[in-house]
Amino acid sequence: MTPEQKQALQEHIQAIAKILYEDTSKEKLINLAGIEEAVRSQMQKHVMPEVGVFLSKRLQEQPQDTNDISKVSLESYQ
């Protein structure tokens, strides 16, 4: 990851964290166990499904190779 990508990622993480914080019951944020539970719940509910959809779409956009073994692999195998 480039320094620019790390910086962009950090900025996006902070923005996501702010939104999720505003959507979390403050009673859950009084101790580490509550914070951990709230973070896990929010990530599973909102963030991870979107990342999964994004990656799934990217996979579908890639050209599908019908051969599992390349010609180079076959030549060296034989």
N, C-alpha and C. Protein backbone atom coordinates (compact mmCIF):
# COMPACT_ATOMS: atom_id res chain seq x y z
N MET A 1 0.86 -1.17 0.00
CA MET A 1 0.00 0.00 0.00
C MET A 1 0.90 1.23 0.00
N THR A 2 0.59 2.14 -0.88
CA THR A 2 1.39 3.36 -0.96
C THR A 2 1.05 4.29 0.20
N PRO A 3 1.95 5.23 0.51
CA PRO A 3 1.64 6.21 1.56
C PRO A 3 0.35 6.98 1.27
N GLU A 4 0.11 7.27 0.00
CA GLU A 4 -1.11 7.99 -0.37
C GLU A 4 -2.35 7.14 -0.10
N GLN A 5 -2.26 5.85 -0.40
CA GLN A 5 -3.38 4.93 -0.14
C GLN A 5 -3.61 4.79 1.35
N LYS A 6 -2.53 4.70 2.13
CA LYS A 6 -2.65 4.62 3.59
C LYS A 6 -3.33 5.85 4.14
N GLN A 7 -2.96 7.01 3.64
CA GLN A 7 -3.57 8.27 4.09
C GLN A 7 -5.06 8.31 3.73
N ALA A 8 -5.39 7.93 2.50
CA ALA A 8 -6.80 7.91 2.08
C ALA A 8 -7.59 6.93 2.93
N LEU A 9 -7.02 5.75 3.17
CA LEU A 9 -7.68 4.74 3.99
C LEU A 9 -7.94 5.28 5.39
N GLN A 10 -6.94 5.92 5.98
CA GLN A 10 -7.09 6.48 7.32
C GLN A 10 -8.20 7.53 7.37
N GLU A 11 -8.27 8.37 6.35
CA GLU A 11 -9.32 9.39 6.30
C GLU A 11 -10.70 8.75 6.19
N HIS A 12 -10.82 7.72 5.38
CA HIS A 12 -12.11 7.04 5.22
C HIS A 12 -12.49 6.31 6.51
N ILE A 13 -11.52 5.69 7.15
CA ILE A 13 -11.79 4.99 8.41
C ILE A 13 -12.31 5.97 9.46
N GLN A 14 -11.68 7.13 9.55
CA GLN A 14 -12.13 8.14 10.51
C GLN A 14 -13.55 8.59 10.21
N ALA A 15 -13.87 8.78 8.93
CA ALA A 15 -15.22 9.20 8.56
C ALA A 15 -16.24 8.12 8.90
N ILE A 16 -15.90 6.86 8.60
CA ILE A 16 -16.80 5.74 8.93
C ILE A 16 -16.98 5.65 10.43
N ALA A 17 -15.88 5.75 11.17
CA ALA A 17 -15.95 5.66 12.64
C ALA A 17 -16.87 6.74 13.21
N LYS A 18 -16.78 7.94 12.68
CA LYS A 18 -17.63 9.04 13.17
C LYS A 18 -19.11 8.73 12.93
N ILE A 19 -19.43 8.24 11.74
CA ILE A 19 -20.82 7.91 11.42
C ILE A 19 -21.32 6.78 12.32
N LEU A 20 -20.53 5.74 12.48
CA LEU A 20 -20.95 4.61 13.31
C LEU A 20 -21.06 5.01 14.78
N TYR A 21 -20.18 5.90 15.23
CA TYR A 21 -20.26 6.40 16.60
C TYR A 21 -21.58 7.11 16.84
N GLU A 22 -21.96 7.95 15.89
CA GLU A 22 -23.20 8.70 16.02
C GLU A 22 -24.42 7.79 15.99
N ASP A 23 -24.28 6.59 15.42
CA ASP A 23 -25.38 5.64 15.32
C ASP A 23 -25.36 4.60 16.43
N THR A 24 -24.46 4.74 17.39
CA THR A 24 -24.32 3.76 18.46
C THR A 24 -24.85 4.32 19.77
N SER A 25 -25.59 3.48 20.48
CA SER A 25 -26.09 3.87 21.79
C SER A 25 -24.92 4.19 22.72
N LYS A 26 -24.95 5.35 23.35
CA LYS A 26 -23.85 5.78 24.21
C LYS A 26 -23.70 4.88 25.44
N GLU A 27 -24.77 4.18 25.81
CA GLU A 27 -24.69 3.25 26.94
C GLU A 27 -23.75 2.09 26.64
N LYS A 28 -23.59 1.76 25.36
CA LYS A 28 -22.69 0.67 24.97
C LYS A 28 -21.23 1.09 25.00
N LEU A 29 -20.98 2.38 25.06
CA LEU A 29 -19.62 2.88 24.94
C LEU A 29 -19.01 3.28 26.27
N ILE A 30 -19.42 2.62 27.35
CA ILE A 30 -18.92 3.01 28.67
C ILE A 30 -17.74 2.15 29.14
N ASN A 31 -17.50 1.01 28.48
CA ASN A 31 -16.35 0.19 28.83
C ASN A 31 -15.82 -0.53 27.59
N LEU A 32 -14.65 -1.14 27.70
CA LEU A 32 -14.03 -1.77 26.54
C LEU A 32 -14.86 -2.90 25.95
N ALA A 33 -15.50 -3.68 26.80
CA ALA A 33 -16.33 -4.78 26.30
C ALA A 33 -17.50 -4.25 25.48
N GLY A 34 -18.12 -3.19 25.95
CA GLY A 34 -19.24 -2.59 25.21
C GLY A 34 -18.78 -1.97 23.90
N ILE A 35 -17.62 -1.33 23.93
CA ILE A 35 -17.07 -0.74 22.71
C ILE A 35 -16.77 -1.84 21.70
N GLU A 36 -16.13 -2.91 22.16
CA GLU A 36 -15.81 -4.02 21.26
C GLU A 36 -17.07 -4.62 20.64
N GLU A 37 -18.08 -4.82 21.45
CA GLU A 37 -19.35 -5.37 20.96
C GLU A 37 -20.00 -4.42 19.95
N ALA A 38 -19.99 -3.14 20.25
CA ALA A 38 -20.60 -2.16 19.35
C ALA A 38 -19.85 -2.09 18.03
N VAL A 39 -18.52 -2.09 18.10
CA VAL A 39 -17.72 -2.03 16.87
C VAL A 39 -17.97 -3.26 16.02
N ARG A 40 -17.92 -4.43 16.64
CA ARG A 40 -18.14 -5.68 15.90
C ARG A 40 -19.52 -5.69 15.26
N SER A 41 -20.52 -5.30 16.00
CA SER A 41 -21.88 -5.29 15.49
C SER A 41 -22.04 -4.32 14.32
N GLN A 42 -21.53 -3.11 14.48
CA GLN A 42 -21.64 -2.11 13.43
C GLN A 42 -20.87 -2.54 12.17
N MET A 43 -19.68 -3.10 12.36
CA MET A 43 -18.88 -3.55 11.21
C MET A 43 -19.59 -4.68 10.47
N GLN A 44 -20.13 -5.63 11.20
CA GLN A 44 -20.83 -6.76 10.57
C GLN A 44 -22.12 -6.31 9.88
N LYS A 45 -22.77 -5.34 10.46
CA LYS A 45 -24.05 -4.89 9.92
C LYS A 45 -23.88 -3.97 8.71
N HIS A 46 -22.89 -3.08 8.74
CA HIS A 46 -22.80 -2.05 7.72
C HIS A 46 -21.59 -2.16 6.80
N VAL A 47 -20.43 -2.39 7.34
CA VAL A 47 -19.19 -2.28 6.56
C VAL A 47 -18.87 -3.56 5.80
N MET A 48 -18.82 -4.68 6.48
CA MET A 48 -18.39 -5.92 5.84
C MET A 48 -19.30 -6.36 4.68
N PRO A 49 -20.62 -6.24 4.78
CA PRO A 49 -21.43 -6.60 3.62
C PRO A 49 -21.09 -5.77 2.38
N GLU A 50 -20.84 -4.49 2.57
CA GLU A 50 -20.50 -3.63 1.44
C GLU A 50 -19.15 -4.00 0.83
N VAL A 51 -18.19 -4.33 1.68
CA VAL A 51 -16.89 -4.77 1.18
C VAL A 51 -17.06 -6.08 0.41
N GLY A 52 -17.86 -6.99 0.93
CA GLY A 52 -18.13 -8.25 0.25
C GLY A 52 -18.78 -8.05 -1.11
N VAL A 53 -19.75 -7.16 -1.18
CA VAL A 53 -20.43 -6.87 -2.45
C VAL A 53 -19.43 -6.27 -3.44
N PHE A 54 -18.62 -5.35 -2.98
CA PHE A 54 -17.61 -4.72 -3.84
C PHE A 54 -16.66 -5.77 -4.42
N LEU A 55 -16.13 -6.63 -3.56
CA LEU A 55 -15.20 -7.66 -4.01
C LEU A 55 -15.87 -8.66 -4.94
N SER A 56 -17.10 -9.00 -4.66
CA SER A 56 -17.85 -9.92 -5.52
C SER A 56 -18.05 -9.34 -6.90
N LYS A 57 -18.39 -8.05 -6.97
CA LYS A 57 -18.57 -7.39 -8.26
C LYS A 57 -17.25 -7.35 -9.02
N ARG A 58 -16.16 -7.09 -8.32
CA ARG A 58 -14.84 -7.06 -8.96
C ARG A 58 -14.50 -8.42 -9.54
N LEU A 59 -14.82 -9.47 -8.81
CA LEU A 59 -14.55 -10.83 -9.28
C LEU A 59 -15.35 -11.11 -10.54
N GLN A 60 -16.60 -10.68 -10.58
CA GLN A 60 -17.45 -10.91 -11.74
C GLN A 60 -16.97 -10.12 -12.95
N GLU A 61 -16.33 -8.98 -12.72
CA GLU A 61 -15.84 -8.16 -13.82
C GLU A 61 -14.57 -8.72 -14.46
N GLN A 62 -13.84 -9.56 -13.73
CA GLN A 62 -12.60 -10.13 -14.26
C GLN A 62 -12.91 -11.16 -15.32
N PRO A 63 -12.10 -11.20 -16.39
CA PRO A 63 -12.30 -12.24 -17.39
C PRO A 63 -12.04 -13.61 -16.76
N GLN A 64 -12.95 -14.53 -17.00
CA GLN A 64 -12.83 -15.86 -16.42
C GLN A 64 -12.00 -16.76 -17.33
N ASP A 65 -10.97 -17.38 -16.78
CA ASP A 65 -10.13 -18.31 -17.52
C ASP A 65 -10.75 -19.69 -17.40
N THR A 66 -10.95 -20.33 -18.53
CA THR A 66 -11.60 -21.65 -18.51
C THR A 66 -10.62 -22.76 -18.19
N ASN A 67 -9.32 -22.49 -18.30
CA ASN A 67 -8.32 -23.51 -17.99
C ASN A 67 -7.75 -23.28 -16.61
N ASP A 68 -7.64 -24.35 -15.85
CA ASP A 68 -7.06 -24.25 -14.52
C ASP A 68 -5.53 -24.25 -14.58
N ILE A 69 -4.98 -24.87 -15.62
CA ILE A 69 -3.53 -24.99 -15.74
C ILE A 69 -3.10 -24.26 -17.00
N SER A 70 -2.12 -23.39 -16.87
CA SER A 70 -1.65 -22.64 -18.03
C SER A 70 -0.82 -23.54 -18.94
N LYS A 71 -0.61 -23.09 -20.18
CA LYS A 71 0.21 -23.85 -21.12
C LYS A 71 1.63 -23.99 -20.59
N VAL A 72 2.14 -22.96 -19.99
CA VAL A 72 3.49 -23.03 -19.44
C VAL A 72 3.58 -24.13 -18.39
N SER A 73 2.59 -24.21 -17.53
CA SER A 73 2.57 -25.26 -16.51
C SER A 73 2.48 -26.62 -17.14
N LEU A 74 1.67 -26.78 -18.18
CA LEU A 74 1.54 -28.06 -18.85
C LEU A 74 2.82 -28.48 -19.54
N GLU A 75 3.50 -27.52 -20.17
CA GLU A 75 4.74 -27.84 -20.87
C GLU A 75 5.81 -28.29 -19.90
N SER A 76 5.90 -27.62 -18.76
CA SER A 76 6.94 -28.00 -17.80
C SER A 76 6.56 -29.30 -17.08
N TYR A 77 5.27 -29.60 -16.99
CA TYR A 77 4.81 -30.82 -16.35
C TYR A 77 5.11 -32.04 -17.20
N GLN A 78 4.92 -31.89 -18.53
CA GLN A 78 5.12 -33.01 -19.43
C GLN A 78 6.56 -33.20 -19.64
